[in-house]
Protein backbone atom coordinates (compact mmCIF):
# COMPACT_ATOMS: atom_id res chain seq x y z
CA MET A 1 -22.25 17.91 8.67
CA GLU A 2 -23.61 15.87 5.83
CA ILE A 3 -21.21 14.48 3.25
CA ARG A 4 -22.34 12.82 0.05
CA LEU A 5 -20.02 10.44 -1.75
CA ASN A 6 -20.22 8.40 -4.90
CA ILE A 7 -18.55 5.07 -4.20
CA ASP A 8 -18.47 2.13 -6.55
CA ASP A 9 -21.23 -0.36 -5.69
CA ASP A 10 -18.89 -3.35 -6.00
CA PHE A 11 -16.34 -1.75 -3.68
CA ILE A 12 -18.90 -1.07 -0.95
CA GLY A 13 -20.62 -4.38 -1.62
CA ASN A 14 -17.39 -6.26 -0.95
CA LEU A 15 -16.85 -4.36 2.31
CA VAL A 16 -20.44 -5.07 3.36
CA LYS A 17 -19.91 -8.78 2.70
CA GLN A 18 -16.59 -8.87 4.53
CA THR A 19 -17.74 -6.93 7.57
CA GLY A 20 -21.46 -7.54 7.79
CA SER A 21 -21.84 -3.80 8.34
CA LYS A 22 -24.12 -1.33 6.62
CA PRO A 23 -22.55 1.15 4.17
CA THR A 24 -23.17 4.03 6.59
CA GLU A 25 -21.40 2.12 9.37
CA ILE A 26 -18.47 1.43 7.06
CA ALA A 27 -18.21 5.12 6.19
CA ARG A 28 -18.42 6.17 9.85
CA ASP A 29 -15.81 3.61 10.88
CA GLY A 30 -13.56 4.65 8.02
CA ILE A 31 -13.64 8.27 9.15
CA SER A 32 -13.01 7.22 12.75
CA VAL A 33 -9.98 5.17 11.74
CA PHE A 34 -8.67 8.00 9.57
CA SER A 35 -9.04 10.41 12.48
CA TRP A 36 -7.02 8.07 14.69
CA ILE A 37 -4.35 7.70 11.99
CA VAL A 38 -4.03 11.48 11.62
CA GLY A 39 -3.57 11.77 15.38
CA GLU A 40 -0.87 9.12 15.35
CA ILE A 41 1.00 10.81 12.50
CA ALA A 42 0.68 14.21 14.20
CA ALA A 43 2.23 12.64 17.30
CA GLY A 44 5.25 11.61 15.23
CA ARG A 45 4.27 7.97 14.94
CA VAL A 46 3.94 5.77 11.85
CA VAL A 47 1.14 3.35 11.04
CA LEU A 48 2.31 -0.11 10.07
CA SER A 49 0.79 -3.48 9.31
CA SER A 50 2.43 -6.86 9.45
CA ASN A 51 1.55 -10.51 9.42
CA GLN A 52 0.78 -12.15 12.75
CA ALA A 53 4.44 -13.03 13.25
CA GLY A 54 5.37 -9.35 13.01
CA GLN A 55 7.06 -9.85 9.66
CA ASP A 56 6.34 -8.50 6.18
CA VAL A 57 5.87 -4.98 7.54
CA HIS A 58 4.17 -2.33 5.43
CA ARG A 59 3.90 1.38 6.23
CA LEU A 60 0.71 3.26 5.45
CA VAL A 61 1.49 6.10 3.04
CA MET A 62 -1.10 8.57 1.78
CA ALA A 63 -0.72 12.08 0.38
CA SER A 64 -2.92 13.55 3.11
CA LEU A 65 -0.82 11.85 5.80
CA GLN A 66 2.36 13.20 4.26
CA GLN A 67 0.85 16.67 4.64
CA VAL A 68 0.29 15.96 8.34
CA GLU A 69 3.92 14.79 8.63
CA ARG A 70 5.19 17.98 6.98
CA LYS A 71 3.04 20.21 9.17
CA THR A 72 4.14 18.32 12.29
CA ALA A 73 7.81 18.57 11.31
CA ALA A 74 7.44 22.29 10.59
CA GLN A 75 5.76 22.88 13.94
CA GLN A 76 8.45 20.88 15.76
CA ALA A 77 11.17 22.90 14.01
CA LYS A 78 9.40 26.12 14.93
CA ASN A 79 9.10 25.00 18.56
CA ALA A 80 12.78 23.99 18.66
CA THR A 81 13.78 27.40 17.29
CA ALA A 82 11.60 29.15 19.85
CA LYS A 83 13.13 27.11 22.69
CA THR A 84 16.65 27.86 21.48
CA ALA A 85 15.86 31.57 21.24
CA SER A 86 14.42 31.65 24.76
CA VAL A 87 17.45 29.87 26.23
CA GLU A 88 19.99 32.27 24.74
């Protein structure tokens, strides 16, 4: 699938400078990381960052990830209801 995006030149330029990667590599890596994050959220995990001492913790919050959380919670509730019904 081909996806075309308009991304601010300065934004990509800064990422290119910081990483030494080409814009296409940055986009590919970004999608790979997002895919991993979605899998983590779907597994009921949270994605956090902290300083090297493990302090100053921040949780990654995005609207699309909140949708994954809601869908996961709904599926878990549905599964729990199905298990309860089959036990009775």
